[in-house]
């Protein structure tokens, strides 16, 4: 029996090692390509170790550090504020929907479900934010669209209904605690796993968002990181296309190698989120078991 368990553990460990490598190898390849010279990429193709090291892509992105640092600051501010407010709004709504004595529970649950199935469209969305709310060229235009998501509401509501016993809420009310006191002093401290899980989803959503900046932001000082990198890549591709059509040497126009630039942008964009994940990993793993059946 012990030998059988050892073999099973070996197979399971080997499987997860291969799965981890399958996740890490693409990131390693992206990093190495971003450090490889364009000549080496053209001659030898992609490799897991550069034949010729070249930092030209990073120098191109950082040659004027102020715009990219400002874009970093905008993304960090929008992500931090948006995630905190989103968790508060989402968890408050989920707590209300989890209460069986809430009179509008069925109607609001159906309303949240409808928003997951249907959208108002791009034009009405744009008109509401620009003509009625007048949020164009403001950081609120980057924060408000991602504050509330139906999927996240149902995830947190499921956690509240399956992991927090109603008797705990009843006991707090018997002791004289108000709804606000119950929510802030009892519900939220017990909900760290699901809040970390939903928070990670929200962080990734805000951090990777570039389309909202494309729609609502025309002031280049309010570009977030993703849209700034998108514009940088589009400018490089435009210069490259001009050089190709005119049969001009790209180096004479200071056109940067596009392949290196794409990979360097991916590294810069992914690194902050990759650094945040280890701090949320413990709660994220717990959050994955929300709603599971105990055997």
Protein backbone atom coordinates (compact mmCIF):
# COMPACT_ATOMS: atom_id res chain seq x y z
CA UNK A 1 0.00 0.00 0.00
CA UNK A 2 2.74 2.58 0.80
CA UNK A 3 4.45 1.80 -2.51
CA UNK A 4 1.18 2.39 -4.34
CA UNK A 5 0.74 5.72 -2.58
CA UNK A 6 4.32 6.67 -3.43
CA UNK A 7 3.75 5.92 -7.11
CA UNK A 8 0.52 7.89 -7.11
CA UNK A 9 2.20 10.86 -5.42
CA UNK A 10 5.05 10.66 -7.93
CA UNK A 11 2.64 10.75 -10.88
CA UNK A 12 0.68 13.64 -9.38
CA UNK A 13 3.84 15.62 -8.60
CA UNK A 14 5.21 14.96 -12.07
CA UNK A 15 1.94 16.12 -13.63
CA UNK A 16 1.94 19.40 -11.70
CA UNK A 17 5.62 20.00 -12.44
CA UNK A 18 4.88 19.65 -16.15
CA UNK A 19 1.84 21.90 -15.79
CA UNK A 20 3.95 24.56 -14.04
CA UNK A 21 6.57 24.36 -16.76
CA UNK A 22 3.88 24.69 -19.42
CA UNK A 23 2.81 27.95 -17.74
CA UNK A 24 6.30 29.32 -17.11
CA UNK A 25 7.96 28.47 -20.44
CA UNK A 26 5.93 31.01 -22.49
CA UNK A 27 6.85 33.79 -20.04
CA UNK A 28 10.51 32.81 -20.17
CA UNK A 29 10.40 32.78 -23.97
CA UNK A 30 8.80 36.24 -24.05
CA UNK A 31 11.52 37.60 -21.77
CA UNK A 32 14.33 36.07 -23.83
CA UNK A 33 12.90 37.31 -27.13
CA UNK A 34 12.65 40.82 -25.70
CA UNK A 35 16.39 40.64 -24.95
CA UNK A 36 17.40 39.22 -28.35
CA UNK A 37 18.66 41.38 -31.18
CA UNK A 38 16.54 41.70 -34.32
CA UNK A 39 19.31 40.23 -36.47
CA UNK A 40 19.48 37.12 -34.30
CA UNK A 41 15.68 36.76 -34.38
CA UNK A 42 15.67 37.03 -38.16
CA UNK A 43 18.51 34.57 -38.61
CA UNK A 44 17.86 31.98 -35.88
CA UNK A 45 14.25 32.57 -34.83
CA UNK A 46 12.99 32.27 -31.27
CA UNK A 47 15.20 30.59 -28.68
CA UNK A 48 15.14 30.07 -24.94
CA UNK A 49 18.48 31.85 -24.57
CA UNK A 50 19.51 34.88 -26.66
CA UNK A 51 22.35 34.34 -29.12
CA UNK A 52 22.91 38.10 -29.11
CA UNK A 53 21.73 40.18 -26.18
CA UNK A 54 20.14 43.50 -27.09
CA UNK A 55 18.27 45.94 -24.84
CA UNK A 56 17.17 48.23 -27.66
CA UNK A 57 13.44 47.56 -27.08
CA UNK A 58 13.67 48.55 -23.41
CA UNK A 59 15.79 51.58 -24.27
CA UNK A 60 13.15 52.62 -26.79
CA UNK A 61 10.39 52.34 -24.18
CA UNK A 62 12.40 54.11 -21.49
CA UNK A 63 14.23 56.72 -23.57
CA UNK A 64 11.76 59.28 -22.24
CA UNK A 65 10.81 57.82 -18.88
CA UNK A 66 8.28 60.47 -17.87
CA UNK A 67 5.34 59.32 -20.09
CA UNK A 68 5.65 55.65 -19.18
CA UNK A 69 6.06 56.43 -15.47
CA UNK A 70 3.00 58.67 -15.64
CA UNK A 71 1.08 55.87 -17.38
CA UNK A 72 2.24 53.49 -14.65
CA UNK A 73 0.96 55.92 -12.04
CA UNK A 74 -2.42 56.23 -13.74
CA UNK A 75 -2.79 52.44 -13.99
CA UNK A 76 -1.75 51.90 -10.36
CA UNK A 77 -4.15 54.58 -9.10
CA UNK A 78 -7.08 53.38 -11.21
CA UNK A 79 -6.44 49.74 -10.31
CA UNK A 80 -6.06 50.38 -6.57
CA UNK A 81 -9.04 52.74 -6.19
CA UNK A 82 -11.22 50.77 -8.59
CA UNK A 83 -10.52 47.45 -6.87
CA UNK A 84 -11.21 48.79 -3.35
CA UNK A 85 -14.45 50.52 -4.35
CA UNK A 86 -15.50 47.59 -6.51
CA UNK A 87 -15.05 45.10 -3.67
CA UNK A 88 -17.08 47.30 -1.34
CA UNK A 89 -19.95 47.82 -3.81
CA UNK A 90 -19.97 44.22 -5.03
CA UNK A 91 -19.83 42.65 -1.57
CA UNK A 92 -22.53 45.01 -0.26
CA UNK A 93 -24.88 44.06 -3.08
CA UNK A 94 -24.04 40.37 -2.71
CA UNK A 95 -24.74 40.55 1.04
CA UNK A 96 -28.16 42.06 0.35
CA UNK A 97 -28.98 39.37 -2.22
CA UNK A 98 -27.88 36.63 0.18
CA UNK A 99 -30.40 37.73 2.82
CA UNK A 100 -33.65 35.79 2.52
CA UNK A 101 -35.55 38.56 4.31
CA UNK A 102 -34.51 41.19 1.74
CA UNK A 103 -37.77 42.18 -0.03
CA UNK A 104 -36.28 42.92 -3.48
CA UNK A 105 -33.95 39.94 -3.57
CA UNK A 106 -35.59 38.17 -6.52
CA UNK A 107 -35.96 41.27 -8.66
CA UNK A 108 -32.36 42.44 -8.15
CA UNK A 109 -30.98 38.96 -8.74
CA UNK A 110 -32.83 38.81 -12.06
CA UNK A 111 -31.61 42.34 -12.90
CA UNK A 112 -27.98 41.34 -12.25
CA UNK A 113 -28.43 38.21 -14.35
CA UNK A 114 -29.82 40.26 -17.27
CA UNK A 115 -26.70 42.46 -17.27
CA UNK A 116 -24.60 39.31 -17.72
CA UNK A 117 -26.62 38.19 -20.74
CA UNK A 118 -27.26 41.47 -22.57
CA UNK A 119 -25.45 44.80 -22.97
CA UNK A 120 -26.67 48.23 -23.94
CA UNK A 121 -24.17 48.60 -26.77
CA UNK A 122 -21.16 50.80 -27.35
CA UNK A 123 -22.99 53.94 -28.52
CA UNK A 124 -25.41 54.23 -25.55
CA UNK A 125 -22.51 53.47 -23.20
CA UNK A 126 -20.47 56.26 -24.74
CA UNK A 127 -23.36 58.76 -24.71
CA UNK A 128 -24.18 58.11 -21.05
CA UNK A 129 -20.61 58.72 -19.91
CA UNK A 130 -19.92 61.72 -22.14
CA UNK A 131 -23.27 63.54 -22.57
CA UNK A 132 -25.00 62.80 -19.27
CA UNK A 133 -22.22 62.15 -16.76
CA UNK A 134 -19.59 64.32 -18.53
CA UNK A 135 -16.76 62.02 -17.50
CA UNK A 136 -14.70 62.22 -20.66
CA UNK A 137 -10.99 62.85 -20.02
CA UNK A 138 -11.23 62.02 -16.32
CA UNK A 139 -9.98 59.15 -14.19
CA UNK A 140 -13.56 58.39 -13.15
CA UNK A 141 -14.19 57.29 -16.73
CA UNK A 142 -11.56 54.58 -16.21
CA UNK A 143 -12.85 53.52 -12.77
CA UNK A 144 -16.65 53.50 -12.92
CA UNK A 145 -17.18 51.04 -15.86
CA UNK A 146 -15.45 48.22 -13.98
CA UNK A 147 -16.95 48.77 -10.53
CA UNK A 148 -19.74 46.20 -10.63
CA UNK A 149 -19.90 42.89 -12.47
CA UNK A 150 -22.73 40.40 -12.26
CA UNK A 151 -20.39 37.40 -12.23
CA UNK A 152 -18.51 38.75 -9.20
CA UNK A 153 -21.77 39.52 -7.39
CA UNK A 154 -22.93 35.92 -7.76
CA UNK A 155 -19.56 34.54 -6.66
CA UNK A 156 -19.63 36.55 -3.42
CA UNK A 157 -23.32 35.84 -2.86
CA UNK A 158 -22.64 32.11 -3.17
CA UNK A 159 -19.89 32.41 -0.57
CA UNK A 160 -22.19 34.26 1.83
CA UNK A 161 -25.00 31.69 1.47
CA UNK A 162 -22.78 28.60 1.74
CA UNK A 163 -19.98 29.63 4.11
CA UNK A 164 -21.53 32.06 6.59
CA UNK A 165 -24.28 30.48 8.73
CA UNK A 166 -27.48 32.54 9.14
CA UNK A 167 -27.35 31.83 12.88
CA UNK A 168 -24.24 34.00 13.11
CA UNK A 169 -26.13 36.96 11.66
CA UNK A 170 -29.12 36.24 13.91
CA UNK A 171 -26.84 36.18 16.95
CA UNK A 172 -25.36 39.55 16.02
CA UNK A 173 -28.85 41.04 15.66
CA UNK A 174 -29.91 39.62 19.02
CA UNK A 175 -26.87 41.31 20.56
CA UNK A 176 -28.06 44.60 19.11
CA UNK A 177 -25.78 44.89 16.08
CA UNK A 178 -27.16 46.90 13.19
CA UNK A 179 -26.98 45.75 9.57
CA UNK A 180 -23.96 47.97 8.99
CA UNK A 181 -22.19 46.68 12.12
CA UNK A 182 -22.92 43.09 11.11
CA UNK A 183 -21.62 43.69 7.60
CA UNK A 184 -18.40 45.48 8.55
CA UNK A 185 -17.51 43.64 11.78
CA UNK A 186 -18.60 40.08 10.99
CA UNK A 187 -19.27 39.48 7.30
CA UNK A 188 -16.25 41.21 5.74
CA UNK A 189 -13.61 39.72 8.12
CA UNK A 190 -14.95 36.23 7.39
CA UNK A 191 -14.95 36.84 3.63
CA UNK A 192 -11.23 37.34 2.97
CA UNK A 193 -10.91 34.28 0.68
CA UNK A 194 -13.69 35.33 -1.69
CA UNK A 195 -12.73 39.00 -1.53
CA UNK A 196 -9.14 38.11 -2.47
CA UNK A 197 -10.36 35.93 -5.34
CA UNK A 198 -12.72 38.55 -6.75
CA UNK A 199 -10.13 41.24 -6.00
CA UNK A 200 -7.58 39.44 -8.14
CA UNK A 201 -10.06 39.21 -11.01
CA UNK A 202 -10.79 42.92 -10.63
CA UNK A 203 -7.11 43.88 -10.48
CA UNK A 204 -6.38 41.97 -13.68
CA UNK A 205 -9.42 43.52 -15.35
CA UNK A 206 -8.45 47.10 -14.49
CA UNK A 207 -4.77 46.56 -15.23
CA UNK A 208 -5.35 45.04 -18.68
CA UNK A 209 -8.02 47.52 -19.72
CA UNK A 210 -7.01 49.69 -22.67
CA UNK A 211 -10.33 49.96 -24.52
CA UNK A 212 -11.87 52.35 -21.96
CA UNK A 213 -8.96 54.74 -22.46
CA UNK A 214 -9.41 54.45 -26.22
CA UNK A 215 -13.08 55.44 -25.94
CA UNK A 216 -13.03 58.15 -23.26
CA UNK A 217 -9.49 59.55 -22.95
CA UNK A 218 -7.96 61.99 -25.41
CA UNK A 219 -5.56 63.70 -22.97
CA UNK A 220 -2.26 61.84 -23.27
CA UNK A 221 -1.46 62.64 -19.63
CA UNK A 222 -4.34 60.40 -18.55
CA UNK A 223 -3.38 57.37 -20.63
CA UNK A 224 -3.07 54.21 -18.60
CA UNK A 225 -0.16 51.84 -19.16
CA UNK A 226 -1.91 49.45 -21.52
CA UNK A 227 -3.16 52.19 -23.83
CA UNK A 228 0.21 53.96 -23.71
CA UNK A 229 1.96 50.75 -24.78
CA UNK A 230 -0.71 50.18 -27.44
CA UNK A 231 -0.07 53.65 -28.88
CA UNK A 232 3.68 53.10 -28.78
CA UNK A 233 3.34 49.86 -30.72
CA UNK A 234 0.99 51.44 -33.27
CA UNK A 235 3.46 54.30 -33.85
CA UNK A 236 6.32 51.84 -34.35
CA UNK A 237 4.26 49.77 -36.78
CA UNK A 238 3.32 52.92 -38.70
CA UNK A 239 6.96 53.97 -39.08
CA UNK A 240 7.88 50.43 -40.11
CA UNK A 241 5.16 50.38 -42.78
CA UNK A 242 6.37 53.72 -44.17
CA UNK A 243 9.93 52.41 -44.30
CA UNK A 244 8.80 49.22 -46.05
CA UNK A 245 6.71 51.06 -48.67
CA UNK A 246 9.46 53.59 -49.39
CA UNK A 247 12.17 50.87 -49.40
CA UNK A 248 14.09 52.82 -46.77
CA UNK A 249 16.42 51.24 -44.27
CA UNK A 250 14.52 51.10 -40.97
CA UNK A 251 17.60 52.06 -38.96
CA UNK A 252 17.85 55.38 -40.80
CA UNK A 253 14.34 56.27 -39.60
CA UNK A 254 15.04 55.06 -36.05
CA UNK A 255 12.36 52.41 -36.38
CA UNK A 256 12.65 49.89 -33.57
CA UNK A 257 12.41 46.11 -34.10
CA UNK A 258 8.74 45.29 -33.71
CA UNK A 259 9.15 41.74 -32.43
CA UNK A 260 11.45 42.79 -29.60
CA UNK A 261 9.17 45.73 -28.83
CA UNK A 262 6.06 43.54 -28.58
CA UNK A 263 7.76 41.18 -26.15
CA UNK A 264 9.24 43.99 -24.04
CA UNK A 265 5.79 45.55 -23.77
CA UNK A 266 4.35 42.21 -22.66
CA UNK A 267 7.02 41.90 -19.96
CA UNK A 268 6.40 45.42 -18.65
CA UNK A 269 2.62 44.91 -18.65
CA UNK A 270 2.62 41.47 -17.00
CA UNK A 271 5.28 42.02 -14.33
CA UNK A 272 3.24 44.10 -11.81
CA UNK A 273 0.32 41.65 -11.76
CA UNK A 274 2.73 38.71 -11.48
CA UNK A 275 4.25 40.37 -8.40
CA UNK A 276 0.83 40.87 -6.78
CA UNK A 277 -0.41 37.29 -7.21
CA UNK A 278 1.89 35.59 -4.61
CA UNK A 279 0.49 37.81 -1.85
CA UNK A 280 -3.08 36.73 -2.72
CA UNK A 281 -2.30 33.11 -3.50
CA UNK A 282 -3.33 31.72 -0.11
CA UNK A 283 -6.75 33.35 -0.25
CA UNK A 284 -7.12 32.68 -3.96
CA UNK A 285 -6.73 28.91 -3.43
CA UNK A 286 -9.36 29.01 -0.69
CA UNK A 287 -11.66 31.01 -2.93
CA UNK A 288 -11.49 28.35 -5.65
CA UNK A 289 -13.45 25.95 -3.41
CA UNK A 290 -16.42 28.32 -3.01
CA UNK A 291 -19.64 26.38 -3.35
CA UNK A 292 -17.92 22.99 -3.53
CA UNK A 293 -19.49 19.95 -1.93
CA UNK A 294 -17.66 18.44 1.01
CA UNK A 295 -17.24 14.70 0.83
